[in-house]
Amino acid sequence: MEQRRIRIAAVGDELLAGMGDQRALGWLGRTLARTNPAPASLEAFTLASPNEGTEELAGRWLQEAGRRFDDGYENRLVVGLSDRDLDLDLTTARSRLNLANILDGAAQLSIKVFVVGPPPGLDPARNQRLAELSAAFADVTTRRRHVYVDTFSPLLNHEQWRTDLAANGGMPGQAGYGLMAWLVLHRGWYQWLELPEPS
């Protein structure tokens, strides 16, 4: 029986690249480091772009991810969403549409998508707006039967997360990225990859 070969292309913002992480792993690197793909093989490519909103992401994902995909592999897409749309004054409806376009484009190519939502910051007013955006992203993703990991709700009042942000100028450090990776690993990662969960 031929070995399964999985290839992941991951698109998103600076959190996907692990900016501010002394170990330079971020949440994706930590997730991959803890993923035992056996009996399959797994390759991953991080395609991060800082300060990117959903409009830009929808415009570039296929060209960049498509260059990493190959007919000999099970091609998968990870989307790490940011809160950037709040700064760009996009309506929630527009943000929803941009994400829907990414997911529909992936579906046409039979690519399974794993979406990680934006985590909270320390500004209460901004977090109120971000709660609405995160809920919209979740709705769009789950309606299309892809996996959505909500990082906003579980981390909003998480003491370790807030302490880590405060110590790192509003960005996650090692503890924060570790918390994000834990959420990813425990909210559907193995099922999405169709791999046995570690006991």
N, C-alpha and C. Protein backbone atom coordinates (compact mmCIF):
# COMPACT_ATOMS: atom_id res chain seq x y z
N MET A 1 0.84 -1.19 0.00
CA MET A 1 0.00 0.00 0.00
C MET A 1 0.89 1.26 0.00
N GLU A 2 0.56 2.19 -0.88
CA GLU A 2 1.38 3.38 -1.02
C GLU A 2 1.21 4.31 0.19
N GLN A 3 2.32 4.90 0.64
CA GLN A 3 2.28 5.80 1.79
C GLN A 3 1.54 7.10 1.43
N ARG A 4 0.70 7.55 2.36
CA ARG A 4 0.04 8.84 2.17
C ARG A 4 1.08 9.95 2.28
N ARG A 5 0.98 10.92 1.38
CA ARG A 5 1.89 12.07 1.42
C ARG A 5 1.03 13.32 1.51
N ILE A 6 1.20 14.07 2.60
CA ILE A 6 0.40 15.26 2.85
C ILE A 6 1.28 16.49 2.70
N ARG A 7 0.77 17.47 2.00
CA ARG A 7 1.50 18.74 1.86
C ARG A 7 0.59 19.86 2.32
N ILE A 8 1.09 20.67 3.25
CA ILE A 8 0.32 21.79 3.79
C ILE A 8 0.94 23.10 3.33
N ALA A 9 0.11 23.97 2.77
CA ALA A 9 0.52 25.36 2.54
C ALA A 9 -0.25 26.20 3.54
N ALA A 10 0.46 27.05 4.27
CA ALA A 10 -0.17 27.87 5.32
C ALA A 10 -0.03 29.35 4.97
N VAL A 11 -1.17 30.03 4.88
CA VAL A 11 -1.16 31.46 4.58
C VAL A 11 -1.74 32.23 5.76
N GLY A 12 -1.22 33.44 5.97
CA GLY A 12 -1.71 34.24 7.08
C GLY A 12 -0.79 35.41 7.36
N ASP A 13 -0.90 35.93 8.58
CA ASP A 13 -0.16 37.15 8.93
C ASP A 13 1.10 36.83 9.72
N GLU A 14 1.62 37.85 10.43
CA GLU A 14 2.88 37.69 11.17
C GLU A 14 2.79 36.67 12.30
N LEU A 15 1.59 36.43 12.85
CA LEU A 15 1.47 35.42 13.90
C LEU A 15 1.75 34.03 13.33
N LEU A 16 1.39 33.83 12.07
CA LEU A 16 1.68 32.55 11.42
C LEU A 16 3.19 32.33 11.33
N ALA A 17 3.94 33.43 11.13
CA ALA A 17 5.39 33.34 11.02
C ALA A 17 6.08 33.28 12.38
N GLY A 18 5.29 33.47 13.45
CA GLY A 18 5.87 33.38 14.79
C GLY A 18 6.62 34.63 15.20
N MET A 19 6.22 35.78 14.70
CA MET A 19 6.89 37.02 15.06
C MET A 19 6.82 37.26 16.56
N GLY A 20 7.94 37.65 17.15
CA GLY A 20 7.99 37.88 18.59
C GLY A 20 8.27 36.64 19.41
N ASP A 21 8.42 35.50 18.73
CA ASP A 21 8.68 34.24 19.43
C ASP A 21 10.19 34.00 19.45
N GLN A 22 10.75 33.92 20.66
CA GLN A 22 12.21 33.72 20.78
C GLN A 22 12.66 32.40 20.16
N ARG A 23 11.75 31.45 20.10
CA ARG A 23 12.11 30.16 19.49
C ARG A 23 11.80 30.10 17.99
N ALA A 24 11.22 31.20 17.49
CA ALA A 24 10.95 31.34 16.04
C ALA A 24 10.07 30.22 15.48
N LEU A 25 9.17 29.72 16.30
CA LEU A 25 8.29 28.63 15.87
C LEU A 25 6.86 29.11 15.61
N GLY A 26 6.40 30.05 16.47
CA GLY A 26 5.01 30.46 16.38
C GLY A 26 4.07 29.31 16.68
N TRP A 27 2.78 29.51 16.47
CA TRP A 27 1.83 28.44 16.77
C TRP A 27 1.90 27.31 15.75
N LEU A 28 2.18 27.65 14.51
CA LEU A 28 2.23 26.60 13.49
C LEU A 28 3.44 25.69 13.68
N GLY A 29 4.58 26.30 13.92
CA GLY A 29 5.79 25.50 14.15
C GLY A 29 5.64 24.56 15.34
N ARG A 30 5.02 25.07 16.41
CA ARG A 30 4.80 24.23 17.59
C ARG A 30 3.80 23.11 17.28
N THR A 31 2.78 23.44 16.52
CA THR A 31 1.79 22.42 16.14
C THR A 31 2.44 21.31 15.32
N LEU A 32 3.22 21.71 14.34
CA LEU A 32 3.89 20.72 13.47
C LEU A 32 4.90 19.89 14.25
N ALA A 33 5.61 20.54 15.18
CA ALA A 33 6.61 19.82 15.98
C ALA A 33 5.97 18.73 16.84
N ARG A 34 4.70 18.94 17.20
CA ARG A 34 4.01 17.95 18.05
C ARG A 34 3.15 16.99 17.24
N THR A 35 3.19 17.11 15.92
CA THR A 35 2.36 16.25 15.07
C THR A 35 3.19 15.07 14.57
N ASN A 36 2.77 13.88 14.96
CA ASN A 36 3.41 12.69 14.41
C ASN A 36 2.56 12.21 13.24
N PRO A 37 3.06 12.40 12.00
CA PRO A 37 2.21 12.07 10.85
C PRO A 37 2.17 10.59 10.49
N ALA A 38 3.00 9.77 11.16
CA ALA A 38 3.06 8.34 10.81
C ALA A 38 1.66 7.72 10.86
N PRO A 39 1.30 6.90 9.88
CA PRO A 39 2.15 6.33 8.83
C PRO A 39 2.29 7.21 7.58
N ALA A 40 1.74 8.42 7.59
CA ALA A 40 1.87 9.31 6.43
C ALA A 40 3.16 10.12 6.54
N SER A 41 3.51 10.83 5.46
CA SER A 41 4.59 11.81 5.52
C SER A 41 3.95 13.19 5.39
N LEU A 42 4.60 14.20 5.98
CA LEU A 42 4.01 15.53 6.05
C LEU A 42 5.05 16.59 5.71
N GLU A 43 4.69 17.48 4.78
CA GLU A 43 5.54 18.63 4.44
C GLU A 43 4.70 19.88 4.63
N ALA A 44 5.30 20.94 5.16
CA ALA A 44 4.55 22.18 5.38
C ALA A 44 5.35 23.39 4.92
N PHE A 45 4.64 24.35 4.35
CA PHE A 45 5.25 25.57 3.84
C PHE A 45 4.50 26.78 4.42
N THR A 46 5.24 27.65 5.09
CA THR A 46 4.63 28.83 5.72
C THR A 46 4.76 30.03 4.78
N LEU A 47 3.62 30.61 4.41
CA LEU A 47 3.58 31.73 3.47
C LEU A 47 2.92 32.92 4.14
N ALA A 48 3.65 33.51 5.07
CA ALA A 48 3.09 34.60 5.88
C ALA A 48 3.35 35.96 5.23
N SER A 49 2.41 36.87 5.44
CA SER A 49 2.56 38.24 4.96
C SER A 49 2.08 39.19 6.06
N PRO A 50 2.98 40.04 6.60
CA PRO A 50 2.60 40.88 7.74
C PRO A 50 1.51 41.89 7.39
N ASN A 51 0.71 42.21 8.40
CA ASN A 51 -0.33 43.25 8.29
C ASN A 51 -1.32 43.01 7.16
N GLU A 52 -1.63 41.76 6.93
CA GLU A 52 -2.49 41.43 5.78
C GLU A 52 -3.93 41.24 6.22
N GLY A 53 -4.85 41.89 5.51
CA GLY A 53 -6.27 41.68 5.74
C GLY A 53 -6.80 40.58 4.81
N THR A 54 -8.08 40.30 4.94
CA THR A 54 -8.67 39.20 4.15
C THR A 54 -8.71 39.52 2.66
N GLU A 55 -8.78 40.80 2.32
CA GLU A 55 -8.83 41.18 0.89
C GLU A 55 -7.54 40.75 0.19
N GLU A 56 -6.40 41.11 0.77
CA GLU A 56 -5.11 40.73 0.20
C GLU A 56 -4.93 39.22 0.24
N LEU A 57 -5.33 38.63 1.34
CA LEU A 57 -5.19 37.18 1.48
C LEU A 57 -5.97 36.44 0.40
N ALA A 58 -7.20 36.89 0.15
CA ALA A 58 -8.02 36.27 -0.90
C ALA A 58 -7.38 36.44 -2.27
N GLY A 59 -6.65 37.55 -2.44
CA GLY A 59 -6.02 37.82 -3.72
C GLY A 59 -4.76 37.00 -3.98
N ARG A 60 -4.08 36.56 -2.93
CA ARG A 60 -2.78 35.91 -3.15
C ARG A 60 -2.72 34.42 -2.84
N TRP A 61 -3.68 33.91 -2.06
CA TRP A 61 -3.50 32.56 -1.52
C TRP A 61 -3.28 31.51 -2.60
N LEU A 62 -4.07 31.57 -3.67
CA LEU A 62 -4.01 30.50 -4.67
C LEU A 62 -2.69 30.51 -5.44
N GLN A 63 -2.25 31.68 -5.81
CA GLN A 63 -0.99 31.77 -6.56
C GLN A 63 0.17 31.23 -5.72
N GLU A 64 0.19 31.62 -4.44
CA GLU A 64 1.31 31.20 -3.58
C GLU A 64 1.19 29.76 -3.12
N ALA A 65 0.01 29.39 -2.66
CA ALA A 65 -0.17 28.01 -2.18
C ALA A 65 -0.11 27.03 -3.36
N GLY A 66 -0.68 27.44 -4.48
CA GLY A 66 -0.71 26.56 -5.66
C GLY A 66 0.67 26.13 -6.12
N ARG A 67 1.66 27.00 -5.91
CA ARG A 67 3.03 26.65 -6.31
C ARG A 67 3.63 25.59 -5.40
N ARG A 68 3.03 25.38 -4.23
CA ARG A 68 3.54 24.37 -3.29
C ARG A 68 2.76 23.05 -3.40
N PHE A 69 1.61 23.10 -4.06
CA PHE A 69 0.81 21.89 -4.18
C PHE A 69 1.32 21.02 -5.32
N ASP A 70 1.00 19.74 -5.22
CA ASP A 70 1.50 18.79 -6.21
C ASP A 70 0.50 17.65 -6.35
N ASP A 71 0.33 17.16 -7.56
CA ASP A 71 -0.63 16.09 -7.82
C ASP A 71 -0.33 14.81 -7.06
N GLY A 72 0.92 14.60 -6.67
CA GLY A 72 1.28 13.38 -5.97
C GLY A 72 1.01 13.43 -4.47
N TYR A 73 0.40 14.52 -4.00
CA TYR A 73 0.18 14.72 -2.57
C TYR A 73 -1.29 14.98 -2.26
N GLU A 74 -1.64 14.78 -0.98
CA GLU A 74 -2.91 15.30 -0.47
C GLU A 74 -2.62 16.75 -0.09
N ASN A 75 -3.17 17.68 -0.85
CA ASN A 75 -2.88 19.09 -0.63
C ASN A 75 -3.87 19.71 0.35
N ARG A 76 -3.34 20.37 1.37
CA ARG A 76 -4.17 20.99 2.41
C ARG A 76 -3.78 22.45 2.57
N LEU A 77 -4.75 23.26 3.00
CA LEU A 77 -4.52 24.69 3.20
C LEU A 77 -4.83 25.08 4.64
N VAL A 78 -3.87 25.74 5.30
CA VAL A 78 -4.10 26.33 6.61
C VAL A 78 -4.21 27.84 6.42
N VAL A 79 -5.25 28.43 6.98
CA VAL A 79 -5.45 29.88 6.91
C VAL A 79 -5.41 30.45 8.33
N GLY A 80 -4.41 31.29 8.60
CA GLY A 80 -4.31 31.96 9.89
C GLY A 80 -4.83 33.39 9.76
N LEU A 81 -6.02 33.65 10.29
CA LEU A 81 -6.65 34.96 10.11
C LEU A 81 -6.19 35.96 11.18
N SER A 82 -6.12 37.22 10.78
CA SER A 82 -5.69 38.27 11.70
C SER A 82 -6.86 39.22 11.99
N ASP A 83 -6.56 40.23 12.82
CA ASP A 83 -7.57 41.25 13.11
C ASP A 83 -7.40 42.48 12.22
N ARG A 84 -6.60 42.36 11.18
CA ARG A 84 -6.23 43.51 10.34
C ARG A 84 -7.43 44.18 9.68
N ASP A 85 -8.47 43.43 9.37
CA ASP A 85 -9.65 44.02 8.72
C ASP A 85 -10.25 45.15 9.56
N LEU A 86 -10.05 45.10 10.88
CA LEU A 86 -10.57 46.16 11.75
C LEU A 86 -9.88 47.49 11.44
N ASP A 87 -8.58 47.44 11.12
CA ASP A 87 -7.83 48.66 10.80
C ASP A 87 -8.14 49.15 9.38
N LEU A 88 -8.54 48.25 8.54
CA LEU A 88 -8.80 48.60 7.14
C LEU A 88 -10.25 49.05 6.94
N ASP A 89 -11.01 49.09 8.03
CA ASP A 89 -12.41 49.51 8.00
C ASP A 89 -13.27 48.69 7.03
N LEU A 90 -12.96 47.41 6.93
CA LEU A 90 -13.81 46.52 6.13
C LEU A 90 -15.07 46.20 6.93
N THR A 91 -16.19 46.13 6.26
CA THR A 91 -17.41 45.69 6.95
C THR A 91 -17.28 44.20 7.24
N THR A 92 -18.02 43.75 8.23
CA THR A 92 -18.01 42.32 8.54
C THR A 92 -18.48 41.52 7.33
N ALA A 93 -19.45 42.06 6.60
CA ALA A 93 -19.96 41.38 5.40
C ALA A 93 -18.85 41.20 4.37
N ARG A 94 -18.00 42.21 4.22
CA ARG A 94 -16.90 42.13 3.25
C ARG A 94 -15.87 41.10 3.70
N SER A 95 -15.57 41.12 4.99
CA SER A 95 -14.62 40.14 5.53
C SER A 95 -15.13 38.72 5.32
N ARG A 96 -16.43 38.53 5.56
CA ARG A 96 -17.05 37.21 5.35
C ARG A 96 -16.90 36.78 3.90
N LEU A 97 -17.16 37.71 2.99
CA LEU A 97 -17.10 37.39 1.57
C LEU A 97 -15.68 37.01 1.15
N ASN A 98 -14.70 37.76 1.65
CA ASN A 98 -13.31 37.45 1.30
C ASN A 98 -12.93 36.04 1.74
N LEU A 99 -13.30 35.69 2.97
CA LEU A 99 -12.99 34.34 3.46
C LEU A 99 -13.77 33.30 2.67
N ALA A 100 -15.03 33.59 2.37
CA ALA A 100 -15.85 32.66 1.58
C ALA A 100 -15.21 32.40 0.21
N ASN A 101 -14.65 33.44 -0.39
CA ASN A 101 -14.00 33.27 -1.70
C ASN A 101 -12.79 32.34 -1.61
N ILE A 102 -12.04 32.46 -0.53
CA ILE A 102 -10.89 31.56 -0.34
C ILE A 102 -11.38 30.11 -0.19
N LEU A 103 -12.37 29.92 0.68
CA LEU A 103 -12.86 28.56 0.95
C LEU A 103 -13.53 27.94 -0.27
N ASP A 104 -14.28 28.74 -1.02
CA ASP A 104 -14.94 28.22 -2.22
C ASP A 104 -13.92 27.88 -3.31
N GLY A 105 -12.88 28.71 -3.41
CA GLY A 105 -11.82 28.42 -4.37
C GLY A 105 -11.09 27.13 -4.03
N ALA A 106 -10.83 26.93 -2.73
CA ALA A 106 -10.17 25.69 -2.28
C ALA A 106 -11.06 24.48 -2.54
N ALA A 107 -12.36 24.63 -2.28
CA ALA A 107 -13.30 23.52 -2.48
C ALA A 107 -13.33 23.08 -3.95
N GLN A 108 -13.26 24.06 -4.85
CA GLN A 108 -13.26 23.73 -6.29
C GLN A 108 -12.06 22.87 -6.66
N LEU A 109 -10.97 23.00 -5.89
CA LEU A 109 -9.75 22.22 -6.15
C LEU A 109 -9.66 21.01 -5.22
N SER A 110 -10.74 20.73 -4.49
CA SER A 110 -10.80 19.61 -3.53
C SER A 110 -9.72 19.71 -2.46
N ILE A 111 -9.44 20.94 -2.02
CA ILE A 111 -8.45 21.17 -0.97
C ILE A 111 -9.18 21.39 0.36
N LYS A 112 -8.83 20.58 1.36
CA LYS A 112 -9.42 20.74 2.69
C LYS A 112 -8.72 21.87 3.42
N VAL A 113 -9.53 22.72 4.07
CA VAL A 113 -8.99 23.93 4.71
C VAL A 113 -9.15 23.87 6.22
N PHE A 114 -8.13 24.35 6.91
CA PHE A 114 -8.13 24.47 8.37
C PHE A 114 -7.94 25.94 8.70
N VAL A 115 -8.95 26.56 9.30
CA VAL A 115 -8.92 28.01 9.54
C VAL A 115 -8.72 28.28 11.03
N VAL A 116 -7.73 29.11 11.33
CA VAL A 116 -7.46 29.51 12.71
C VAL A 116 -7.81 30.99 12.84
N GLY A 117 -8.76 31.28 13.72
CA GLY A 117 -9.26 32.64 13.87
C GLY A 117 -8.30 33.54 14.63
N PRO A 118 -8.54 34.84 14.57
CA PRO A 118 -7.66 35.81 15.24
C PRO A 118 -7.80 35.76 16.75
N PRO A 119 -6.68 35.82 17.47
CA PRO A 119 -6.74 35.82 18.94
C PRO A 119 -7.03 37.23 19.46
N PRO A 120 -7.45 37.34 20.73
CA PRO A 120 -7.76 38.65 21.30
C PRO A 120 -6.50 39.45 21.62
N GLY A 121 -6.68 40.77 21.70
CA GLY A 121 -5.60 41.64 22.18
C GLY A 121 -5.93 42.11 23.58
N LEU A 122 -5.37 43.25 23.96
CA LEU A 122 -5.57 43.77 25.32
C LEU A 122 -6.54 44.94 25.37
N ASP A 123 -6.95 45.44 24.21
CA ASP A 123 -7.84 46.61 24.13
C ASP A 123 -9.30 46.14 24.16
N PRO A 124 -10.05 46.45 25.23
CA PRO A 124 -11.42 45.95 25.36
C PRO A 124 -12.35 46.39 24.21
N ALA A 125 -12.22 47.63 23.78
CA ALA A 125 -13.09 48.12 22.70
C ALA A 125 -12.80 47.39 21.39
N ARG A 126 -11.52 47.18 21.12
CA ARG A 126 -11.13 46.46 19.91
C ARG A 126 -11.59 44.99 19.99
N ASN A 127 -11.46 44.41 21.17
CA ASN A 127 -11.88 43.02 21.35
C ASN A 127 -13.38 42.84 21.11
N GLN A 128 -14.17 43.87 21.45
CA GLN A 128 -15.62 43.79 21.18
C GLN A 128 -15.88 43.66 19.68
N ARG A 129 -15.16 44.45 18.90
CA ARG A 129 -15.30 44.39 17.44
C ARG A 129 -14.75 43.07 16.90
N LEU A 130 -13.64 42.62 17.51
CA LEU A 130 -13.01 41.39 17.06
C LEU A 130 -13.88 40.17 17.36
N ALA A 131 -14.64 40.22 18.44
CA ALA A 131 -15.55 39.12 18.78
C ALA A 131 -16.55 38.90 17.65
N GLU A 132 -17.07 39.99 17.11
CA GLU A 132 -18.03 39.91 16.01
C GLU A 132 -17.37 39.34 14.75
N LEU A 133 -16.14 39.81 14.49
CA LEU A 133 -15.41 39.34 13.30
C LEU A 133 -15.08 37.85 13.41
N SER A 134 -14.63 37.44 14.57
CA SER A 134 -14.29 36.03 14.79
C SER A 134 -15.52 35.14 14.61
N ALA A 135 -16.66 35.58 15.16
CA ALA A 135 -17.90 34.82 15.02
C ALA A 135 -18.31 34.71 13.55
N ALA A 136 -18.11 35.79 12.79
CA ALA A 136 -18.43 35.78 11.36
C ALA A 136 -17.53 34.80 10.62
N PHE A 137 -16.23 34.82 10.93
CA PHE A 137 -15.28 33.89 10.30
C PHE A 137 -15.67 32.44 10.62
N ALA A 138 -16.05 32.19 11.86
CA ALA A 138 -16.45 30.84 12.27
C ALA A 138 -17.67 30.37 11.49
N ASP A 139 -18.63 31.26 11.35
CA ASP A 139 -19.87 30.92 10.65
C ASP A 139 -19.60 30.57 9.18
N VAL A 140 -18.82 31.41 8.52
CA VAL A 140 -18.49 31.17 7.10
C VAL A 140 -17.77 29.83 6.92
N THR A 141 -16.83 29.55 7.83
CA THR A 141 -16.02 28.33 7.72
C THR A 141 -16.84 27.07 7.98
N THR A 142 -17.60 27.07 9.07
CA THR A 142 -18.33 25.85 9.43
C THR A 142 -19.50 25.59 8.48
N ARG A 143 -20.10 26.64 7.94
CA ARG A 143 -21.16 26.44 6.93
C ARG A 143 -20.63 25.69 5.72
N ARG A 144 -19.34 25.88 5.45
CA ARG A 144 -18.73 25.23 4.29
C ARG A 144 -18.04 23.92 4.67
N ARG A 145 -18.27 23.51 5.89
CA ARG A 145 -17.77 22.23 6.40
C ARG A 145 -16.25 22.11 6.41
N HIS A 146 -15.62 23.24 6.69
CA HIS A 146 -14.19 23.22 6.97
C HIS A 146 -14.02 23.37 8.48
N VAL A 147 -12.79 23.19 8.95
CA VAL A 147 -12.52 23.27 10.40
C VAL A 147 -12.18 24.71 10.78
N TYR A 148 -12.83 25.21 11.85
CA TYR A 148 -12.50 26.54 12.37
C TYR A 148 -12.07 26.41 13.82
N VAL A 149 -10.92 26.98 14.14
CA VAL A 149 -10.47 27.01 15.53
C VAL A 149 -10.64 28.44 16.05
N ASP A 150 -11.52 28.59 17.02
CA ASP A 150 -11.75 29.87 17.67
C ASP A 150 -10.67 30.06 18.72
N THR A 151 -9.74 30.99 18.49
CA THR A 151 -8.74 31.30 19.52
C THR A 151 -9.19 32.48 20.36
N PHE A 152 -10.17 33.23 19.85
CA PHE A 152 -10.60 34.46 20.54
C PHE A 152 -11.27 34.15 21.89
N SER A 153 -12.32 33.34 21.85
CA SER A 153 -13.11 33.10 23.08
C SER A 153 -12.29 32.46 24.20
N PRO A 154 -11.54 31.38 23.93
CA PRO A 154 -10.82 30.75 25.05
C PRO A 154 -9.67 31.61 25.61
N LEU A 155 -9.13 32.53 24.80
CA LEU A 155 -7.98 33.30 25.27
C LEU A 155 -8.35 34.69 25.79
N LEU A 156 -9.59 35.11 25.58
CA LEU A 156 -10.00 36.49 25.90
C LEU A 156 -9.69 36.86 27.36
N ASN A 157 -10.05 35.99 28.28
CA ASN A 157 -9.80 36.27 29.70
C ASN A 157 -8.78 35.31 30.31
N HIS A 158 -7.93 34.74 29.46
CA HIS A 158 -6.92 33.79 29.91
C HIS A 158 -5.74 34.56 30.50
N GLU A 159 -5.48 34.34 31.78
CA GLU A 159 -4.48 35.15 32.48
C GLU A 159 -3.09 35.03 31.86
N GLN A 160 -2.69 33.81 31.53
CA GLN A 160 -1.34 33.60 30.97
C GLN A 160 -1.21 34.28 29.60
N TRP A 161 -2.26 34.22 28.80
CA TRP A 161 -2.26 34.88 27.49
C TRP A 161 -2.10 36.39 27.66
N ARG A 162 -2.90 36.97 28.54
CA ARG A 162 -2.87 38.42 28.74
C ARG A 162 -1.52 38.88 29.31
N THR A 163 -0.97 38.11 30.22
CA THR A 163 0.34 38.42 30.80
C THR A 163 1.42 38.39 29.71
N ASP A 164 1.32 37.39 28.84
CA ASP A 164 2.31 37.23 27.77
C ASP A 164 2.23 38.40 26.79
N LEU A 165 1.02 38.81 26.43
CA LEU A 165 0.86 39.96 25.52
C LEU A 165 1.42 41.23 26.16
N ALA A 166 1.12 41.42 27.43
CA ALA A 166 1.58 42.62 28.13
C ALA A 166 3.11 42.68 28.20
N ALA A 167 3.74 41.51 28.33
CA ALA A 167 5.20 41.45 28.44
C ALA A 167 5.90 41.58 27.08
N ASN A 168 5.14 41.43 25.99
CA ASN A 168 5.76 41.41 24.66
C ASN A 168 5.19 42.49 23.72
N GLY A 169 4.77 43.61 24.33
CA GLY A 169 4.30 44.71 23.51
C GLY A 169 3.05 44.42 22.70
N GLY A 170 2.19 43.55 23.24
CA GLY A 170 0.92 43.25 22.56
C GLY A 170 0.98 42.06 21.63
N MET A 171 2.17 41.48 21.46
CA MET A 171 2.33 40.27 20.63
C MET A 171 2.49 39.07 21.55
N PRO A 172 2.10 37.88 21.08
CA PRO A 172 2.39 36.69 21.89
C PRO A 172 3.89 36.43 21.95
N GLY A 173 4.31 35.82 23.06
CA GLY A 173 5.67 35.31 23.16
C GLY A 173 5.57 33.79 23.19
N GLN A 174 6.53 33.15 23.82
CA GLN A 174 6.54 31.68 23.83
C GLN A 174 5.29 31.10 24.47
N ALA A 175 4.86 31.68 25.60
CA ALA A 175 3.67 31.15 26.29
C ALA A 175 2.42 31.32 25.41
N GLY A 176 2.27 32.50 24.81
CA GLY A 176 1.09 32.77 23.98
C GLY A 176 1.00 31.85 22.77
N TYR A 177 2.11 31.69 22.08
CA TYR A 177 2.11 30.79 20.92
C TYR A 177 1.86 29.35 21.33
N GLY A 178 2.36 29.00 22.53
CA GLY A 178 2.10 27.65 23.05
C GLY A 178 0.62 27.42 23.28
N LEU A 179 -0.05 28.44 23.81
CA LEU A 179 -1.50 28.33 24.05
C LEU A 179 -2.26 28.20 22.73
N MET A 180 -1.87 28.98 21.73
CA MET A 180 -2.53 28.87 20.41
C MET A 180 -2.32 27.49 19.81
N ALA A 181 -1.10 26.99 19.91
CA ALA A 181 -0.80 25.65 19.36
C ALA A 181 -1.63 24.58 20.07
N TRP A 182 -1.80 24.72 21.39
CA TRP A 182 -2.59 23.74 22.14
C TRP A 182 -4.02 23.73 21.62
N LEU A 183 -4.58 24.91 21.39
CA LEU A 183 -5.96 25.00 20.88
C LEU A 183 -6.06 24.32 19.51
N VAL A 184 -5.10 24.60 18.64
CA VAL A 184 -5.11 24.01 17.30
C VAL A 184 -5.05 22.48 17.38
N LEU A 185 -4.14 21.98 18.21
CA LEU A 185 -3.96 20.53 18.32
C LEU A 185 -5.18 19.82 18.91
N HIS A 186 -5.94 20.53 19.75
CA HIS A 186 -7.07 19.90 20.44
C HIS A 186 -8.43 20.27 19.86
N ARG A 187 -8.45 21.00 18.74
CA ARG A 187 -9.73 21.41 18.15
C ARG A 187 -9.87 20.95 16.71
N GLY A 188 -9.39 19.73 16.42
CA GLY A 188 -9.70 19.17 15.11
C GLY A 188 -8.52 18.97 14.17
N TRP A 189 -7.31 19.24 14.62
CA TRP A 189 -6.12 19.13 13.77
C TRP A 189 -5.91 17.71 13.23
N TYR A 190 -5.94 16.74 14.11
CA TYR A 190 -5.68 15.36 13.69
C TYR A 190 -6.81 14.82 12.81
N GLN A 191 -8.04 15.16 13.18
CA GLN A 191 -9.18 14.72 12.35
C GLN A 191 -9.08 15.31 10.95
N TRP A 192 -8.67 16.58 10.87
CA TRP A 192 -8.53 17.26 9.59
C TRP A 192 -7.48 16.59 8.72
N LEU A 193 -6.38 16.18 9.37
CA LEU A 193 -5.31 15.50 8.63
C LEU A 193 -5.60 14.00 8.44
N GLU A 194 -6.70 13.54 9.07
CA GLU A 194 -7.05 12.12 9.04
C GLU A 194 -5.90 11.25 9.57
N LEU A 195 -5.40 11.68 10.71
CA LEU A 195 -4.31 10.97 11.40
C LEU A 195 -4.80 10.54 12.78
N PRO A 196 -4.26 9.44 13.30
CA PRO A 196 -4.66 9.02 14.65
C PRO A 196 -4.18 10.03 15.69
N GLU A 197 -5.09 10.37 16.62
CA GLU A 197 -4.71 11.29 17.69
C GLU A 197 -3.77 10.60 18.66
N PRO A 198 -2.74 11.31 19.15
CA PRO A 198 -1.87 10.68 20.13
C PRO A 198 -2.63 10.38 21.41
N SER A 199 -2.32 9.26 22.04
CA SER A 199 -3.07 8.87 23.24
C SER A 199 -2.49 9.57 24.45
